Amino acid sequence: MARSVSGFTLVELILVILLLGIVGTASFSYLGLGAKMYADAADREALLSSSRFAVERLSRELRNVVPNSVRTFTDSGRNCIEFAPLIKAGRYSPGVATGSASGTVSLVSPDGWTEVTGYSQPLLMTIYPTDASRDIYGEARVAESFSFTASGTSLTVTYSFNDIPTDSPSQRMYFFSLPVAYCLEGTELYRYQRTALNQPLTGRMLMAEHLSAAFYGPPRNEQPFQYDNSRVLTRNSVVHLRLAFESAMGDVLVFNQEIHTPNVP
């Protein structure tokens, strides 16, 4: 008796292989699209996080600066904004306009002077700065030397200027640290710390990457930092930040922020 033989024909095998190939290709494309969407979303999220950090760090530092110490400049192709971080301010008495470049004044602060007496880095002092480049960075109104003694809420300061200092209308004295600068260099944002007022920018620290070169280049030529210190701004100056970040997909994320800085010397 003959036995029946079961199996697949060559045509059936070819059809199965073709169907499996079509299904596999479709599945791979679907999974690949999902993976690409996830990678794009992760890249955007990382860009947003790093850009927010840089903008928030710069904004916070700009809100606590010595009045009229902000300036913007271009140096070797990099666009920079620089400012003098404020450590402590207080009202002094008596006045300093006594015809002498040296003298002694007293200040009182309800919360004491630990910020000044406990400051371990180089500390500087100024009275009535009105022009950043001349009075702060040119040291026209920065004390050549000074010393102080603290007793509770009182601080006695003995100072010496190169020239006779001008009295502040509100008799304010400012203690500050060495200036800080943020510079846009190509597609990267760096933070610099000066080692002295008359020394070049050093201590470079990377704050953000992937800024848009096209946003700041021709034909737009946008400026990342602008400083408005017009006469009508009697209480505050305004810093305009325009930082544009570009993702790997070419999307541009622009931070357009306005920061008010004290303007009462």
Protein backbone atom coordinates (compact mmCIF):
# COMPACT_ATOMS: atom_id res chain seq x y z
CA MET A 1 0.00 0.00 0.00
CA ALA A 2 1.44 3.40 -1.01
CA ARG A 3 2.02 6.01 1.75
CA SER A 4 0.96 9.66 1.28
CA VAL A 5 3.82 12.19 1.45
CA SER A 6 3.07 15.72 2.89
CA GLY A 7 5.29 18.85 2.51
CA PHE A 8 5.70 22.24 0.84
CA THR A 9 6.21 22.92 -2.75
CA LEU A 10 8.99 25.23 -3.95
CA VAL A 11 6.42 27.88 -4.88
CA GLU A 12 4.94 27.81 -1.36
CA LEU A 13 8.37 28.20 0.22
CA ILE A 14 9.19 31.15 -2.01
CA LEU A 15 5.87 32.82 -1.12
CA VAL A 16 6.47 32.32 2.60
CA ILE A 17 9.97 33.78 2.32
CA LEU A 18 8.62 36.81 0.44
CA LEU A 19 5.88 37.39 3.01
CA LEU A 20 8.33 37.10 5.91
CA GLY A 21 10.64 39.56 4.17
CA ILE A 22 7.83 42.08 3.71
CA VAL A 23 6.68 41.74 7.31
CA GLY A 24 10.26 41.99 8.63
CA THR A 25 10.99 45.07 6.55
CA ALA A 26 7.81 46.79 7.73
CA SER A 27 8.52 45.87 11.36
CA PHE A 28 12.13 47.08 11.15
CA SER A 29 11.03 50.38 9.57
CA TYR A 30 8.42 50.88 12.28
CA LEU A 31 10.88 50.11 15.07
CA GLY A 32 13.56 52.25 13.43
CA LEU A 33 11.15 55.20 13.15
CA GLY A 34 10.27 54.84 16.83
CA ALA A 35 13.92 54.70 17.82
CA LYS A 36 14.69 57.80 15.73
CA MET A 37 11.77 59.70 17.27
CA TYR A 38 13.02 58.75 20.75
CA ALA A 39 16.59 59.80 19.92
CA ASP A 40 15.38 63.14 18.49
CA ALA A 41 13.24 63.82 21.57
CA ALA A 42 16.13 62.94 23.89
CA ASP A 43 18.46 65.25 21.94
CA ARG A 44 15.97 68.14 22.18
CA GLU A 45 15.48 67.51 25.90
CA ALA A 46 19.24 67.50 26.53
CA LEU A 47 19.63 70.71 24.51
CA LEU A 48 16.78 72.38 26.40
CA SER A 49 18.21 71.34 29.76
CA SER A 50 21.76 72.56 29.06
CA SER A 51 20.56 75.82 27.50
CA ARG A 52 18.25 76.56 30.43
CA PHE A 53 21.13 75.99 32.86
CA ALA A 54 23.41 78.42 31.02
CA VAL A 55 20.76 81.13 30.67
CA GLU A 56 19.62 80.80 34.30
CA ARG A 57 23.22 80.90 35.59
CA LEU A 58 24.01 84.04 33.59
CA SER A 59 20.71 85.70 34.58
CA ARG A 60 21.27 85.09 38.28
CA GLU A 61 24.78 86.48 38.19
CA LEU A 62 23.66 89.60 36.31
CA ARG A 63 21.02 90.36 38.94
CA ASN A 64 23.69 90.86 41.60
CA VAL A 65 26.34 93.16 40.18
CA VAL A 66 27.94 96.47 41.07
CA PRO A 67 25.95 99.35 39.50
CA ASN A 68 27.37 100.47 36.17
CA SER A 69 29.90 97.64 36.05
CA VAL A 70 28.33 95.85 33.06
CA ARG A 71 29.90 96.20 29.64
CA THR A 72 29.80 94.36 26.31
CA PHE A 73 32.70 94.02 23.89
CA THR A 74 34.08 91.99 21.00
CA ASP A 75 37.52 90.47 21.34
CA SER A 76 39.26 88.21 18.78
CA GLY A 77 35.94 87.22 17.22
CA ARG A 78 34.18 86.44 20.49
CA ASN A 79 31.20 88.42 21.79
CA CYS A 80 31.39 89.04 25.54
CA ILE A 81 29.48 90.55 28.41
CA GLU A 82 31.41 91.37 31.57
CA PHE A 83 30.37 92.51 35.05
CA ALA A 84 31.66 92.88 38.62
CA PRO A 85 29.87 90.53 41.08
CA LEU A 86 28.64 92.36 44.16
CA ILE A 87 29.70 90.99 47.55
CA LYS A 88 28.22 93.63 49.89
CA ALA A 89 27.07 97.24 49.81
CA GLY A 90 26.42 99.77 52.53
CA ARG A 91 25.93 103.45 53.28
CA TYR A 92 28.98 105.25 54.64
CA SER A 93 29.50 108.34 56.77
CA PRO A 94 30.94 110.90 56.78
CA GLY A 95 31.39 111.86 53.12
CA VAL A 96 34.57 111.15 51.16
CA ALA A 97 34.72 114.40 49.18
CA THR A 98 37.18 116.03 51.57
CA GLY A 99 39.87 116.98 49.07
CA SER A 100 41.94 113.92 49.94
CA ALA A 101 42.42 110.59 48.18
CA SER A 102 42.59 108.79 51.54
CA GLY A 103 40.29 108.67 54.52
CA THR A 104 38.21 106.61 56.92
CA VAL A 105 34.46 106.01 56.88
CA SER A 106 32.01 103.94 58.90
CA LEU A 107 29.26 101.68 57.57
CA VAL A 108 26.37 99.98 59.34
CA SER A 109 24.52 96.85 58.22
CA PRO A 110 21.72 95.21 60.27
CA ASP A 111 22.88 91.73 59.26
CA GLY A 112 26.60 92.30 59.89
CA TRP A 113 29.61 92.11 57.59
CA THR A 114 30.49 88.42 57.41
CA GLU A 115 30.32 88.51 53.59
CA VAL A 116 33.20 91.02 53.61
CA THR A 117 35.27 89.84 56.57
CA GLY A 118 34.97 86.17 55.60
CA TYR A 119 35.66 86.63 51.89
CA SER A 120 38.80 84.67 50.99
CA GLN A 121 39.27 85.76 47.37
CA PRO A 122 40.65 89.14 46.23
CA LEU A 123 38.21 91.82 47.39
CA LEU A 124 37.83 95.22 45.73
CA MET A 125 36.00 98.41 46.71
CA THR A 126 34.48 101.25 44.71
CA ILE A 127 32.49 104.43 45.29
CA TYR A 128 30.20 106.03 42.71
CA PRO A 129 31.10 104.21 39.47
CA THR A 130 29.32 105.74 36.47
CA ASP A 131 31.26 104.30 33.53
CA ALA A 132 32.25 100.61 33.54
CA SER A 133 35.29 100.78 31.25
CA ARG A 134 36.77 103.84 32.97
CA ASP A 135 35.70 103.53 36.61
CA ILE A 136 35.82 99.74 37.15
CA TYR A 137 38.07 98.15 34.52
CA GLY A 138 40.23 101.27 34.17
CA GLU A 139 40.31 101.44 37.98
CA ALA A 140 39.53 105.18 38.06
CA ARG A 141 37.13 104.71 40.98
CA VAL A 142 38.44 101.48 42.49
CA ALA A 143 40.34 101.87 45.75
CA GLU A 144 44.08 101.39 45.36
CA SER A 145 44.12 99.88 48.85
CA PHE A 146 41.81 99.61 51.84
CA SER A 147 41.51 97.86 55.19
CA PHE A 148 38.63 97.37 57.56
CA THR A 149 37.69 96.35 61.06
CA ALA A 150 34.27 94.96 61.96
CA SER A 151 32.43 95.25 65.24
CA GLY A 152 28.94 93.77 65.25
CA THR A 153 26.88 95.63 62.68
CA SER A 154 29.54 98.33 62.11
CA LEU A 155 32.42 98.32 59.65
CA THR A 156 35.21 100.91 59.71
CA VAL A 157 37.02 101.25 56.38
CA THR A 158 40.30 103.05 55.79
CA TYR A 159 40.85 103.62 52.07
CA SER A 160 43.25 105.12 49.57
CA PHE A 161 42.45 106.03 45.93
CA ASN A 162 44.80 107.12 43.17
CA ASP A 163 42.68 110.25 42.72
CA ILE A 164 40.32 112.11 45.02
CA PRO A 165 37.09 110.04 45.01
CA THR A 166 33.71 111.50 44.14
CA ASP A 167 31.02 111.23 46.78
CA SER A 168 28.12 108.95 45.95
CA PRO A 169 24.81 110.90 46.02
CA SER A 170 23.39 108.19 48.28
CA GLN A 171 26.74 107.59 50.05
CA ARG A 172 27.02 103.96 48.92
CA MET A 173 30.19 101.91 49.07
CA TYR A 174 30.45 98.64 47.14
CA PHE A 175 32.64 95.63 47.82
CA PHE A 176 33.02 93.29 44.85
CA SER A 177 35.00 90.36 43.51
CA LEU A 178 37.08 90.14 40.35
CA PRO A 179 34.99 90.58 37.20
CA VAL A 180 33.34 87.70 35.37
CA ALA A 181 32.75 87.52 31.62
CA TYR A 182 30.56 85.30 29.45
CA CYS A 183 31.76 84.98 25.86
CA LEU A 184 30.16 83.41 22.80
CA GLU A 185 32.88 81.74 20.73
CA GLY A 186 31.59 80.07 17.59
CA THR A 187 28.93 77.66 18.81
CA GLU A 188 30.06 77.53 22.45
CA LEU A 189 29.45 79.75 25.48
CA TYR A 190 32.29 80.14 27.99
CA ARG A 191 32.57 81.75 31.42
CA TYR A 192 35.79 83.59 32.28
CA GLN A 193 37.15 84.88 35.59
CA ARG A 194 39.76 87.63 35.67
CA THR A 195 42.77 87.29 37.98
CA ALA A 196 43.12 91.09 38.14
CA LEU A 197 41.27 94.07 36.69
CA ASN A 198 44.06 94.80 34.21
CA GLN A 199 44.77 91.16 33.24
CA PRO A 200 43.38 89.22 30.24
CA LEU A 201 40.42 86.90 30.58
CA THR A 202 41.47 83.52 32.00
CA GLY A 203 39.96 80.51 33.73
CA ARG A 204 37.75 79.49 30.83
CA MET A 205 34.83 77.20 31.69
CA LEU A 206 32.43 75.72 29.14
CA MET A 207 28.83 76.65 29.99
CA ALA A 208 26.88 75.59 26.87
CA GLU A 209 27.36 74.04 23.44
CA HIS A 210 25.42 73.88 20.17
CA LEU A 211 24.65 77.56 19.76
CA SER A 212 23.47 78.45 16.27
CA ALA A 213 26.27 79.85 14.11
CA ALA A 214 23.73 80.84 11.44
CA PHE A 215 21.73 82.91 13.94
CA TYR A 216 24.70 85.16 14.69
CA GLY A 217 26.28 85.09 11.24
CA PRO A 218 25.25 86.78 7.99
CA PRO A 219 22.69 87.86 7.03
CA ARG A 220 21.06 88.07 10.49
CA ASN A 221 24.11 89.10 12.53
CA GLU A 222 22.19 88.93 15.80
CA GLN A 223 23.98 90.07 18.96
CA PRO A 224 23.94 87.68 21.94
CA PHE A 225 24.36 90.48 24.51
CA GLN A 226 23.11 94.06 24.51
CA TYR A 227 23.38 96.55 27.37
CA ASP A 228 21.03 99.52 27.74
CA ASN A 229 22.15 102.17 30.21
CA SER A 230 20.31 105.19 28.79
CA ARG A 231 19.64 108.30 30.84
CA VAL A 232 15.94 107.51 31.19
CA LEU A 233 16.77 104.38 33.18
CA THR A 234 17.35 106.13 36.49
CA ARG A 235 16.86 103.07 38.71
CA ASN A 236 17.94 100.11 36.58
CA SER A 237 19.96 99.18 33.53
CA VAL A 238 18.75 96.47 31.17
CA VAL A 239 20.68 93.57 29.67
CA HIS A 240 19.13 91.86 26.67
CA LEU A 241 20.11 88.23 26.11
CA ARG A 242 19.49 86.52 22.77
CA LEU A 243 20.96 83.04 22.92
CA ALA A 244 20.01 80.66 20.12
CA PHE A 245 20.68 76.92 20.43
CA GLU A 246 20.49 74.49 17.50
CA SER A 247 19.64 70.79 17.78
CA ALA A 248 21.10 68.00 15.66
CA MET A 249 17.93 68.16 13.51
CA GLY A 250 18.45 71.84 12.75
CA ASP A 251 15.75 73.14 15.12
CA VAL A 252 16.65 76.50 16.68
CA LEU A 253 15.66 77.31 20.26
CA VAL A 254 15.96 81.04 21.06
CA PHE A 255 16.07 82.48 24.57
CA ASN A 256 15.14 86.15 24.46
CA GLN A 257 15.50 87.47 28.00
CA GLU A 258 15.54 90.93 29.59
CA ILE A 259 17.45 91.31 32.86
CA HIS A 260 17.30 94.39 35.07
CA THR A 261 20.49 95.29 36.93
CA PRO A 262 20.85 97.93 39.70
CA ASN A 263 21.74 101.38 38.45
CA VAL A 264 21.95 103.46 41.65
CA PRO A 265 25.59 104.26 42.40
